[in-house]
C-alpha atoms as a PDB file:
ATOM      1  CA  MET A   1       4.903  10.652 -19.761  1.00  0.00           C
ATOM      2  CA  THR A   2       5.724   7.432 -20.875  1.00  0.00           C
ATOM      3  CA  THR A   3       3.596   4.694 -19.209  1.00  0.00           C
ATOM      4  CA  LEU A   4       5.312   1.791 -17.987  1.00  0.00           C
ATOM      5  CA  ASN A   5       4.174  -2.080 -17.548  1.00  0.00           C
ATOM      6  CA  LEU A   6       5.443  -2.950 -14.160  1.00  0.00           C
ATOM      7  CA  VAL A   7       5.852  -5.492 -11.663  1.00  0.00           C
ATOM      8  CA  PHE A   8       6.256  -4.139  -8.041  1.00  0.00           C
ATOM      9  CA  ALA A   9       7.829  -6.308  -5.151  1.00  0.00           C
ATOM     10  CA  GLY A  10       7.611  -5.187  -1.826  1.00  0.00           C
ATOM     11  CA  THR A  11       6.260  -6.100   1.739  1.00  0.00           C
ATOM     12  CA  PRO A  12       6.851  -3.892   4.796  1.00  0.00           C
ATOM     13  CA  GLU A  13       5.195  -0.346   5.210  1.00  0.00           C
ATOM     14  CA  PHE A  14       8.514   1.276   3.876  1.00  0.00           C
ATOM     15  CA  SER A  15       7.350   0.082   0.338  1.00  0.00           C
ATOM     16  CA  VAL A  16       3.898   1.428   0.509  1.00  0.00           C
ATOM     17  CA  SER A  17       5.221   4.934  -0.518  1.00  0.00           C
ATOM     18  CA  ALA A  18       6.617   3.782  -3.892  1.00  0.00           C
ATOM     19  CA  LEU A  19       3.844   1.444  -4.926  1.00  0.00           C
ATOM     20  CA  ASP A  20       1.473   4.628  -4.458  1.00  0.00           C
ATOM     21  CA  ALA A  21       3.736   6.900  -6.233  1.00  0.00           C
ATOM     22  CA  LEU A  22       4.001   4.407  -9.156  1.00  0.00           C
ATOM     23  CA  TYR A  23       0.041   4.304  -9.211  1.00  0.00           C
ATOM     24  CA  ALA A  24      -0.325   7.797  -8.670  1.00  0.00           C
ATOM     25  CA  ALA A  25       1.739   8.568 -11.531  1.00  0.00           C
ATOM     26  CA  GLY A  26      -0.080   6.398 -13.996  1.00  0.00           C
ATOM     27  CA  HIS A  27       1.742   3.722 -14.555  1.00  0.00           C
ATOM     28  CA  GLN A  28       0.533   0.382 -14.949  1.00  0.00           C
ATOM     29  CA  VAL A  29       1.297  -2.361 -12.059  1.00  0.00           C
ATOM     30  CA  SER A  30       0.453  -5.544 -13.907  1.00  0.00           C
ATOM     31  CA  LEU A  31       1.452  -7.248 -10.537  1.00  0.00           C
ATOM     32  CA  VAL A  32       2.180  -6.726  -6.934  1.00  0.00           C
ATOM     33  CA  LEU A  33       4.666  -9.302  -5.485  1.00  0.00           C
ATOM     34  CA  THR A  34       4.472  -9.571  -1.785  1.00  0.00           C
ATOM     35  CA  GLN A  35       5.550 -12.124   0.852  1.00  0.00           C
ATOM     36  CA  PRO A  36       2.835 -14.586   1.981  1.00  0.00           C
ATOM     37  CA  ASP A  37       1.032 -13.617   4.966  1.00  0.00           C
ATOM     38  CA  ARG A  38       2.457 -14.117   8.158  1.00  0.00           C
ATOM     39  CA  PRO A  39       1.627 -14.895  12.036  1.00  0.00           C
ATOM     40  CA  ALA A  40       1.452 -11.531  13.949  1.00  0.00           C
ATOM     41  CA  GLY A  41       0.038 -10.448  17.112  1.00  0.00           C
ATOM     42  CA  ARG A  42      -0.754 -12.062  20.744  1.00  0.00           C
ATOM     43  CA  GLY A  43      -3.013 -14.437  18.855  1.00  0.00           C
ATOM     44  CA  ARG A  44      -0.499 -15.249  16.174  1.00  0.00           C
ATOM     45  CA  LYS A  45      -3.255 -14.980  13.315  1.00  0.00           C
ATOM     46  CA  LEU A  46      -2.207 -15.120   9.954  1.00  0.00           C
ATOM     47  CA  SER A  47      -1.899 -10.965   8.875  1.00  0.00           C
ATOM     48  CA  PRO A  48      -1.497  -9.640   5.183  1.00  0.00           C
ATOM     49  CA  SER A  49       1.794  -7.540   4.767  1.00  0.00           C
ATOM     50  CA  PRO A  50       1.104  -3.443   4.245  1.00  0.00           C
ATOM     51  CA  VAL A  51       1.894  -4.026   0.452  1.00  0.00           C
ATOM     52  CA  LYS A  52      -0.369  -6.566  -0.053  1.00  0.00           C
ATOM     53  CA  LEU A  53      -3.424  -4.492   1.921  1.00  0.00           C
ATOM     54  CA  ARG A  54      -2.761  -1.579  -0.329  1.00  0.00           C
ATOM     55  CA  ALA A  55      -2.647  -3.734  -3.396  1.00  0.00           C
ATOM     56  CA  LEU A  56      -5.966  -4.778  -2.383  1.00  0.00           C
ATOM     57  CA  GLU A  57      -7.255  -1.276  -1.715  1.00  0.00           C
ATOM     58  CA  LEU A  58      -6.128  -0.295  -5.311  1.00  0.00           C
ATOM     59  CA  GLY A  59      -7.300  -3.395  -6.943  1.00  0.00           C
ATOM     60  CA  LEU A  60      -4.099  -4.705  -8.183  1.00  0.00           C
ATOM     61  CA  ALA A  61      -3.412  -8.419  -9.237  1.00  0.00           C
ATOM     62  CA  ILE A  62      -1.364  -9.902  -6.194  1.00  0.00           C
ATOM     63  CA  ALA A  63       1.078 -13.065  -5.833  1.00  0.00           C
ATOM     64  CA  GLN A  64       2.657 -14.136  -2.926  1.00  0.00           C
ATOM     65  CA  PRO A  65       5.092 -16.825  -3.719  1.00  0.00           C
ATOM     66  CA  GLU A  66       7.059 -18.535  -0.650  1.00  0.00           C
ATOM     67  CA  SER A  67      10.352 -18.344  -3.541  1.00  0.00           C
ATOM     68  CA  LEU A  68      10.961 -17.161  -6.702  1.00  0.00           C
ATOM     69  CA  HIS A  69      13.101 -19.734  -7.522  1.00  0.00           C
ATOM     70  CA  THR A  70      10.019 -21.825  -9.408  1.00  0.00           C
ATOM     71  CA  GLU A  71       9.281 -21.849 -12.983  1.00  0.00           C
ATOM     72  CA  GLU A  72       5.433 -21.355 -12.130  1.00  0.00           C
ATOM     73  CA  ILE A  73       6.567 -17.704 -10.808  1.00  0.00           C
ATOM     74  CA  THR A  74       8.863 -17.146 -13.986  1.00  0.00           C
ATOM     75  CA  ARG A  75       6.615 -18.114 -16.010  1.00  0.00           C
ATOM     76  CA  THR A  76       3.547 -15.935 -14.707  1.00  0.00           C
ATOM     77  CA  LEU A  77       6.243 -13.014 -14.820  1.00  0.00           C
ATOM     78  CA  ARG A  78       7.301 -13.957 -18.581  1.00  0.00           C
ATOM     79  CA  ASP A  79       3.645 -13.861 -19.867  1.00  0.00           C
ATOM     80  CA  LEU A  80       3.122 -10.318 -18.194  1.00  0.00           C
ATOM     81  CA  GLN A  81       6.091  -8.881 -20.551  1.00  0.00           C
ATOM     82  CA  PRO A  82       7.146  -6.247 -17.938  1.00  0.00           C
ATOM     83  CA  ASP A  83       8.897  -3.110 -18.767  1.00  0.00           C
ATOM     84  CA  LEU A  84      10.629  -2.856 -15.553  1.00  0.00           C
ATOM     85  CA  MET A  85      10.381  -5.022 -12.006  1.00  0.00           C
ATOM     86  CA  VAL A  86      10.659  -2.451  -9.062  1.00  0.00           C
ATOM     87  CA  VAL A  87      11.616  -3.993  -5.687  1.00  0.00           C
ATOM     88  CA  VAL A  88      11.435  -2.424  -2.274  1.00  0.00           C
ATOM     89  CA  ALA A  89      12.148  -4.334   0.773  1.00  0.00           C
ATOM     90  CA  TYR A  90      10.610  -7.375  -0.748  1.00  0.00           C
ATOM     91  CA  GLY A  91      12.827  -9.684   1.321  1.00  0.00           C
ATOM     92  CA  LEU A  92      13.223 -12.402  -1.120  1.00  0.00           C
ATOM     93  CA  ILE A  93      16.028 -13.205  -3.276  1.00  0.00           C
ATOM     94  CA  ILE A  94      15.516 -11.970  -6.528  1.00  0.00           C
ATOM     95  CA  PRO A  95      17.111 -15.069  -8.726  1.00  0.00           C
ATOM     96  CA  ARG A  96      18.762 -14.257 -12.038  1.00  0.00           C
ATOM     97  CA  GLN A  97      15.907 -16.185 -14.111  1.00  0.00           C
ATOM     98  CA  VAL A  98      13.401 -12.871 -12.770  1.00  0.00           C
ATOM     99  CA  LEU A  99      16.290 -10.368 -12.947  1.00  0.00           C
ATOM    100  CA  VAL A 100      16.627 -10.900 -17.072  1.00  0.00           C
ATOM    101  CA  ILE A 101      12.707 -11.109 -17.555  1.00  0.00           C
ATOM    102  CA  PRO A 102      11.760  -7.156 -17.732  1.00  0.00           C
ATOM    103  CA  ARG A 103      12.922  -5.412 -20.418  1.00  0.00           C
ATOM    104  CA  LEU A 104      14.654  -2.697 -18.521  1.00  0.00           C
ATOM    105  CA  GLY A 105      15.679  -5.148 -15.965  1.00  0.00           C
ATOM    106  CA  CYS A 106      15.104  -5.004 -11.961  1.00  0.00           C
ATOM    107  CA  ILE A 107      15.749  -1.717  -9.907  1.00  0.00           C
ATOM    108  CA  ASN A 108      15.652  -1.264  -6.110  1.00  0.00           C
ATOM    109  CA  ILE A 109      14.977   1.707  -3.666  1.00  0.00           C
ATOM    110  CA  HIS A 110      17.486   0.815  -0.994  1.00  0.00           C
ATOM    111  CA  ALA A 111      17.482   3.042   2.164  1.00  0.00           C
ATOM    112  CA  SER A 112      21.322   3.905   2.494  1.00  0.00           C
ATOM    113  CA  LEU A 113      23.963   5.475   0.602  1.00  0.00           C
ATOM    114  CA  LEU A 114      25.485   2.720  -1.026  1.00  0.00           C
ATOM    115  CA  PRO A 115      27.854   0.887  -0.591  1.00  0.00           C
ATOM    116  CA  ARG A 116      27.591   2.096   3.083  1.00  0.00           C
ATOM    117  CA  TRP A 117      25.060  -0.348   4.900  1.00  0.00           C
ATOM    118  CA  ARG A 118      24.151  -2.696   2.501  1.00  0.00           C
ATOM    119  CA  GLY A 119      21.891  -5.351   3.579  1.00  0.00           C
ATOM    120  CA  ALA A 120      18.433  -6.027   5.859  1.00  0.00           C
ATOM    121  CA  ALA A 121      18.746  -3.196   8.358  1.00  0.00           C
ATOM    122  CA  PRO A 122      20.315  -0.051   6.827  1.00  0.00           C
ATOM    123  CA  ILE A 123      18.123   2.706   8.819  1.00  0.00           C
ATOM    124  CA  GLN A 124      18.672   1.367  12.056  1.00  0.00           C
ATOM    125  CA  ARG A 125      22.339   0.365  11.477  1.00  0.00           C
ATOM    126  CA  ALA A 126      23.144   4.140  10.366  1.00  0.00           C
ATOM    127  CA  ILE A 127      21.472   5.580  13.368  1.00  0.00           C
ATOM    128  CA  LEU A 128      23.647   3.016  15.574  1.00  0.00           C
ATOM    129  CA  ALA A 129      26.779   3.857  14.133  1.00  0.00           C
ATOM    130  CA  GLY A 130      26.324   7.555  14.595  1.00  0.00           C
ATOM    131  CA  ASP A 131      26.126   8.528  10.906  1.00  0.00           C
ATOM    132  CA  SER A 132      25.010  12.460  10.472  1.00  0.00           C
ATOM    133  CA  LYS A 133      23.545  11.521   6.998  1.00  0.00           C
ATOM    134  CA  THR A 134      22.302   8.480   5.048  1.00  0.00           C
ATOM    135  CA  GLY A 135      19.807   8.523   1.878  1.00  0.00           C
ATOM    136  CA  VAL A 136      18.203   6.287  -0.382  1.00  0.00           C
ATOM    137  CA  CYS A 137      19.774   4.763  -3.680  1.00  0.00           C
ATOM    138  CA  ILE A 138      17.959   3.669  -7.045  1.00  0.00           C
ATOM    139  CA  MET A 139      19.944   1.297  -7.746  1.00  0.00           C
ATOM    140  CA  GLN A 140      20.024  -1.170 -11.029  1.00  0.00           C
ATOM    141  CA  MET A 141      20.187  -4.883  -9.291  1.00  0.00           C
ATOM    142  CA  ASP A 142      22.238  -7.705 -10.022  1.00  0.00           C
ATOM    143  CA  GLU A 143      23.102 -11.279  -8.327  1.00  0.00           C
ATOM    144  CA  GLY A 144      24.908  -9.501  -5.523  1.00  0.00           C
ATOM    145  CA  LEU A 145      23.363  -7.928  -2.155  1.00  0.00           C
ATOM    146  CA  ASP A 146      23.123  -4.439  -3.185  1.00  0.00           C
ATOM    147  CA  THR A 147      25.854  -4.372  -4.991  1.00  0.00           C
ATOM    148  CA  GLY A 148      24.200  -3.000  -8.116  1.00  0.00           C
ATOM    149  CA  PRO A 149      25.211   0.353 -10.134  1.00  0.00           C
ATOM    150  CA  VAL A 150      23.331   3.338  -8.925  1.00  0.00           C
ATOM    151  CA  TRP A 151      20.840   5.616 -10.791  1.00  0.00           C
ATOM    152  CA  LEU A 152      20.040   8.139  -8.738  1.00  0.00           C
ATOM    153  CA  ARG A 153      21.289   9.027  -4.972  1.00  0.00           C
ATOM    154  CA  GLU A 154      19.707  11.284  -2.636  1.00  0.00           C
ATOM    155  CA  LYS A 155      21.315  12.728   1.016  1.00  0.00           C
ATOM    156  CA  VAL A 156      19.199  12.649   3.906  1.00  0.00           C
ATOM    157  CA  ASP A 157      20.377  14.152   7.478  1.00  0.00           C
ATOM    158  CA  ILE A 158      20.239  12.233  10.539  1.00  0.00           C
ATOM    159  CA  THR A 159      19.164  14.675  13.329  1.00  0.00           C
ATOM    160  CA  ASP A 160      19.804  14.213  16.887  1.00  0.00           C
ATOM    161  CA  GLU A 161      15.823  13.685  17.139  1.00  0.00           C
ATOM    162  CA  ASP A 162      15.695  11.117  14.706  1.00  0.00           C
ATOM    163  CA  THR A 163      14.439   7.641  15.797  1.00  0.00           C
ATOM    164  CA  GLY A 164      14.469   4.489  13.710  1.00  0.00           C
ATOM    165  CA  GLY A 165      10.578   5.218  13.153  1.00  0.00           C
ATOM    166  CA  SER A 166      11.355   8.840  11.913  1.00  0.00           C
ATOM    167  CA  LEU A 167      13.988   8.432   9.557  1.00  0.00           C
ATOM    168  CA  HIS A 168      11.923   5.361   8.136  1.00  0.00           C
ATOM    169  CA  ASP A 169       9.174   7.589   7.139  1.00  0.00           C
ATOM    170  CA  LYS A 170      11.794  10.257   5.906  1.00  0.00           C
ATOM    171  CA  LEU A 171      13.449   7.871   3.605  1.00  0.00           C
ATOM    172  CA  ALA A 172      10.052   6.048   2.597  1.00  0.00           C
ATOM    173  CA  ALA A 173       9.085   9.410   1.013  1.00  0.00           C
ATOM    174  CA  ARG A 174      12.231  10.358  -0.021  1.00  0.00           C
ATOM    175  CA  GLY A 175      12.984   6.868  -2.042  1.00  0.00           C
ATOM    176  CA  ALA A 176       9.071   7.294  -3.565  1.00  0.00           C
ATOM    177  CA  ASP A 177      10.245  10.694  -4.965  1.00  0.00           C
ATOM    178  CA  ALA A 178      13.585   9.681  -6.023  1.00  0.00           C
ATOM    179  CA  LEU A 179      11.983   6.652  -7.906  1.00  0.00           C
ATOM    180  CA  LEU A 180       9.675   8.756 -10.201  1.00  0.00           C
ATOM    181  CA  SER A 181      12.776  11.113 -10.950  1.00  0.00           C
ATOM    182  CA  ALA A 182      14.815   8.178 -11.775  1.00  0.00           C
ATOM    183  CA  LEU A 183      12.596   6.399 -14.128  1.00  0.00           C
ATOM    184  CA  PRO A 184      13.243   8.895 -17.194  1.00  0.00           C
ATOM    185  CA  ASN A 185      16.741   8.121 -17.208  1.00  0.00           C
ATOM    186  CA  ILE A 186      16.384   4.515 -16.842  1.00  0.00           C
ATOM    187  CA  LEU A 187      13.967   4.425 -19.489  1.00  0.00           C
ATOM    188  CA  ALA A 188      16.270   6.332 -21.758  1.00  0.00           C
ATOM    189  CA  GLY A 189      19.125   4.226 -20.894  1.00  0.00           C
ATOM    190  CA  GLN A 190      21.270   7.433 -19.919  1.00  0.00           C
ATOM    191  CA  PRO A 191      23.167   8.673 -18.092  1.00  0.00           C
ATOM    192  CA  GLY A 192      23.660   5.183 -17.117  1.00  0.00           C
ATOM    193  CA  PRO A 193      24.179   4.011 -13.385  1.00  0.00           C
ATOM    194  CA  VAL A 194      27.261   4.552 -11.710  1.00  0.00           C
ATOM    195  CA  ARG A 195      28.942   1.463 -10.450  1.00  0.00           C
ATOM    196  CA  GLN A 196      29.508   1.208  -6.533  1.00  0.00           C
ATOM    197  CA  GLN A 197      33.227   1.520  -5.204  1.00  0.00           C
ATOM    198  CA  ALA A 198      34.194  -0.810  -3.192  1.00  0.00           C
ATOM    199  CA  GLU A 199      35.636   1.095  -0.508  1.00  0.00           C
ATOM    200  CA  GLY A 200      33.301   2.377   2.234  1.00  0.00           C
ATOM    201  CA  ALA A 201      31.058  -0.759   1.820  1.00  0.00           C
ATOM    202  CA  CYS A 202      29.639  -2.193   5.216  1.00  0.00           C
ATOM    203  CA  TYR A 203      26.711  -5.013   5.835  1.00  0.00           C
ATOM    204  CA  ALA A 204      23.515  -3.749   7.881  1.00  0.00           C
ATOM    205  CA  ARG A 205      22.397  -7.092   9.473  1.00  0.00           C
ATOM    206  CA  LYS A 206      19.061  -7.854  10.209  1.00  0.00           C
ATOM    207  CA  LEU A 207      18.188  -6.585  13.531  1.00  0.00           C
ATOM    208  CA  ASP A 208      17.922  -9.056  16.349  1.00  0.00           C
ATOM    209  CA  LYS A 209      15.797  -8.448  19.663  1.00  0.00           C
ATOM    210  CA  SER A 210      18.911  -9.652  21.710  1.00  0.00           C
ATOM    211  CA  GLU A 211      20.643  -6.490  20.692  1.00  0.00           C
ATOM    212  CA  ALA A 212      17.903  -4.214  22.625  1.00  0.00           C
ATOM    213  CA  ARG A 213      19.504  -5.177  26.267  1.00  0.00           C
ATOM    214  CA  ILE A 214      21.550  -1.996  27.144  1.00  0.00           C
ATOM    215  CA  ASP A 215      24.909  -2.674  28.790  1.00  0.00           C
ATOM    216  CA  TRP A 216      25.590   0.348  30.771  1.00  0.00           C
ATOM    217  CA  LYS A 217      28.895   0.027  30.585  1.00  0.00           C
ATOM    218  CA  ASP A 218      28.817   1.374  26.801  1.00  0.00           C
ATOM    219  CA  SER A 219      29.294   5.408  26.922  1.00  0.00           C
ATOM    220  CA  ALA A 220      25.888   7.525  27.402  1.00  0.00           C
ATOM    221  CA  THR A 221      26.391   8.553  23.441  1.00  0.00           C
ATOM    222  CA  ALA A 222      26.170   4.915  22.496  1.00  0.00           C
ATOM    223  CA  ILE A 223      23.535   3.792  24.450  1.00  0.00           C
ATOM    224  CA  TRP A 224      21.753   6.917  23.416  1.00  0.00           C
ATOM    225  CA  LEU A 225      22.122   6.060  19.716  1.00  0.00           C
ATOM    226  CA  ARG A 226      20.948   2.020  20.679  1.00  0.00           C
ATOM    227  CA  ILE A 227      17.986   3.882  22.087  1.00  0.00           C
ATOM    228  CA  ARG A 228      17.058   6.042  19.063  1.00  0.00           C
ATOM    229  CA  ALA A 229      17.846   3.149  16.689  1.00  0.00           C
ATOM    230  CA  PHE A 230      15.658   0.672  17.841  1.00  0.00           C
ATOM    231  CA  ASN A 231      12.337   2.737  18.554  1.00  0.00           C
ATOM    232  CA  PRO A 232       9.902   1.830  17.501  1.00  0.00           C
ATOM    233  CA  TRP A 233      11.172  -1.982  16.976  1.00  0.00           C
ATOM    234  CA  PRO A 234      12.693  -3.886  19.118  1.00  0.00           C
ATOM    235  CA  VAL A 235      12.925  -1.011  21.799  1.00  0.00           C
ATOM    236  CA  ALA A 236      16.042  -0.826  24.094  1.00  0.00           C
ATOM    237  CA  GLU A 237      15.426  -2.145  27.485  1.00  0.00           C
ATOM    238  CA  THR A 238      17.204  -3.018  30.977  1.00  0.00           C
ATOM    239  CA  LEU A 239      16.126  -4.393  34.026  1.00  0.00           C
ATOM    240  CA  TYR A 240      14.187  -2.541  36.909  1.00  0.00           C
ATOM    241  CA  HIS A 241      14.423  -5.102  40.000  1.00  0.00           C
ATOM    242  CA  GLY A 242      14.505  -8.207  37.588  1.00  0.00           C
ATOM    243  CA  GLU A 243      11.815  -6.895  35.408  1.00  0.00           C
ATOM    244  CA  ARG A 244      12.016  -5.348  31.824  1.00  0.00           C
ATOM    245  CA  LEU A 245      12.214  -1.748  31.393  1.00  0.00           C
ATOM    246  CA  ARG A 246      11.779  -0.526  28.071  1.00  0.00           C
ATOM    247  CA  ILE A 247      13.556   2.643  27.152  1.00  0.00           C
ATOM    248  CA  TRP A 248      12.005   4.958  24.654  1.00  0.00           C
ATOM    249  CA  SER A 249      13.701   8.240  24.853  1.00  0.00           C
ATOM    250  CA  ALA A 250      16.848   9.567  26.382  1.00  0.00           C
ATOM    251  CA  ILE A 251      19.684  12.125  26.031  1.00  0.00           C
ATOM    252  CA  PRO A 252      23.115  12.138  27.248  1.00  0.00           C
ATOM    253  CA  GLU A 253      24.551  14.898  29.403  1.00  0.00           C
ATOM    254  CA  PRO A 254      27.779  15.659  30.189  1.00  0.00           C
ATOM    255  CA  GLY A 255      29.271  14.520  33.842  1.00  0.00           C
ATOM    256  CA  PRO A 256      31.714  12.416  35.308  1.00  0.00           C
ATOM    257  CA  GLY A 257      29.165  10.262  37.412  1.00  0.00           C
ATOM    258  CA  GLU A 258      30.393   7.703  40.107  1.00  0.00           C
ATOM    259  CA  ALA A 259      32.159   4.845  38.310  1.00  0.00           C
ATOM    260  CA  ALA A 260      29.132   2.675  38.776  1.00  0.00           C
ATOM    261  CA  PRO A 261      27.312   1.927  35.754  1.00  0.00           C
ATOM    262  CA  GLY A 262      23.398   1.629  35.635  1.00  0.00           C
ATOM    263  CA  ARG A 263      23.174   3.088  38.915  1.00  0.00           C
ATOM    264  CA  VAL A 264      20.546   5.846  39.309  1.00  0.00           C
ATOM    265  CA  LEU A 265      21.965   9.323  40.681  1.00  0.00           C
ATOM    266  CA  ALA A 266      19.394  11.536  40.410  1.00  0.00           C
ATOM    267  CA  CYS A 267      15.041  12.000  39.557  1.00  0.00           C
ATOM    268  CA  ASP A 268      13.774  15.330  39.074  1.00  0.00           C
ATOM    269  CA  LYS A 269      11.327  17.149  36.432  1.00  0.00           C
ATOM    270  CA  LYS A 270      13.656  16.625  33.712  1.00  0.00           C
ATOM    271  CA  GLY A 271      13.946  12.843  34.029  1.00  0.00           C
ATOM    272  CA  VAL A 272      16.278  10.290  35.526  1.00  0.00           C
ATOM    273  CA  LEU A 273      19.985  10.300  35.660  1.00  0.00           C
ATOM    274  CA  VAL A 274      21.779   7.386  35.058  1.00  0.00           C
ATOM    275  CA  ASP A 275      25.626   6.414  35.604  1.00  0.00           C
ATOM    276  CA  THR A 276      27.295   4.901  32.367  1.00  0.00           C
ATOM    277  CA  GLY A 277      30.472   3.966  31.345  1.00  0.00           C
ATOM    278  CA  GLU A 278      31.362   7.213  29.970  1.00  0.00           C
ATOM    279  CA  GLY A 279      28.961  10.263  30.577  1.00  0.00           C
ATOM    280  CA  LEU A 280      25.597  10.620  31.866  1.00  0.00           C
ATOM    281  CA  LEU A 281      22.297   9.373  30.552  1.00  0.00           C
ATOM    282  CA  ARG A 282      18.912  11.268  31.205  1.00  0.00           C
ATOM    283  CA  LEU A 283      15.958   8.867  30.820  1.00  0.00           C
ATOM    284  CA  LEU A 284      12.915  10.669  29.243  1.00  0.00           C
ATOM    285  CA  GLN A 285      10.594   7.830  28.584  1.00  0.00           C
ATOM    286  CA  VAL A 286      10.211   4.357  29.851  1.00  0.00           C
ATOM    287  CA  GLN A 287       7.349   1.386  29.973  1.00  0.00           C
ATOM    288  CA  MET A 288       7.202  -1.367  32.060  1.00  0.00           C
ATOM    289  CA  PRO A 289       5.620  -4.602  30.983  1.00  0.00           C
ATOM    290  CA  GLY A 290       1.608  -4.599  30.693  1.00  0.00           C
ATOM    291  CA  LYS A 291       1.663  -0.772  30.959  1.00  0.00           C
ATOM    292  CA  ARG A 292       1.785   2.011  28.782  1.00  0.00           C
ATOM    293  CA  PRO A 293       4.862   4.481  27.995  1.00  0.00           C
ATOM    294  CA  VAL A 294       4.897   6.959  30.830  1.00  0.00           C
ATOM    295  CA  THR A 295       7.324  10.134  31.288  1.00  0.00           C
ATOM    296  CA  ALA A 296      10.498   8.972  33.217  1.00  0.00           C
ATOM    297  CA  ARG A 297       9.235  11.393  36.059  1.00  0.00           C
ATOM    298  CA  GLU A 298       6.099   9.662  36.468  1.00  0.00           C
ATOM    299  CA  PHE A 299       7.838   6.616  36.452  1.00  0.00           C
ATOM    300  CA  ALA A 300      10.250   7.834  39.392  1.00  0.00           C
ATOM    301  CA  ASN A 301       6.895   9.082  41.074  1.00  0.00           C
ATOM    302  CA  ALA A 302       5.375   5.723  41.219  1.00  0.00           C
ATOM    303  CA  ASN A 303       8.628   3.634  41.890  1.00  0.00           C
ATOM    304  CA  PRO A 304      11.484   3.535  44.221  1.00  0.00           C
ATOM    305  CA  LEU A 305      14.632   4.178  42.468  1.00  0.00           C
ATOM    306  CA  HIS A 306      16.912   5.273  45.294  1.00  0.00           C
ATOM    307  CA  ASP A 307      20.182   3.794  44.891  1.00  0.00           C
ATOM    308  CA  VAL A 308      19.169   1.517  42.326  1.00  0.00           C
ATOM    309  CA  CYS A 309      21.280  -0.101  39.470  1.00  0.00           C
ATOM    310  CA  LEU A 310      19.627  -0.488  36.474  1.00  0.00           C
ATOM    311  CA  GLY A 311      20.507  -3.826  34.460  1.00  0.00           C
ATOM    312  CA  THR A 312      20.193  -6.243  37.620  1.00  0.00           C
END
């Protein structure tokens, strides 16, 4: 196996599997780029990224520039003379002057089947759209937004049980494996990467907390997809007597309902049945502010739901 001199750029938990894989394979990770420490939690204390924490554990050199457009970081990267830069959910734009520094350029692990779901939130957008498949691509980076040619792509099924969290974990592991599988071809330069087609391209915009609010006029299936996609963040929610009620899991059921979207129709050991714009949705796990998540049955036992209309 040829040992490569690498720069690794990544920030969230999704990136850690790839860093671990490169380190375990014996490659020289000369520098880890990750975003600066950010405020987090109720105390808003500065917290290091998951990649920084892992790099510290591995004893790797770390840099946390606010931008890669500076002469300082460009000079630092040039001095390292890297063979390749591996980018995984880094979160900062890689400018042209950086893209051309490594001998083999820069590659990216992207969590979709490009060109579908280019952008920041491909995992959640795939679930939200009702896609049955997604995957990972090892892409040669160019100056566009996830537009570079693809060295390797691997498909992953999206099951009815998948959430944003479970699919994240699947794709992180698959992406790390795919990265190691692609490296020999990247090193050899053949067979070369395949150019993306324009057909089927779509953009996975960043998630926003405002998207979490459920509109009960939507179909039961659409709401179910939203609940799954936004678990564990930002978590789908509705209003119960004016208070926020998070919905962690649910399942659609057939039925005509009463043409009263949001109205609770029944509570039993299976959960809480709610009318929607089309079909019925059975709530399975919910959470009130300051409380732990509970089964919908437990919630119904402790809170009056007769003739309640959620969302108001």
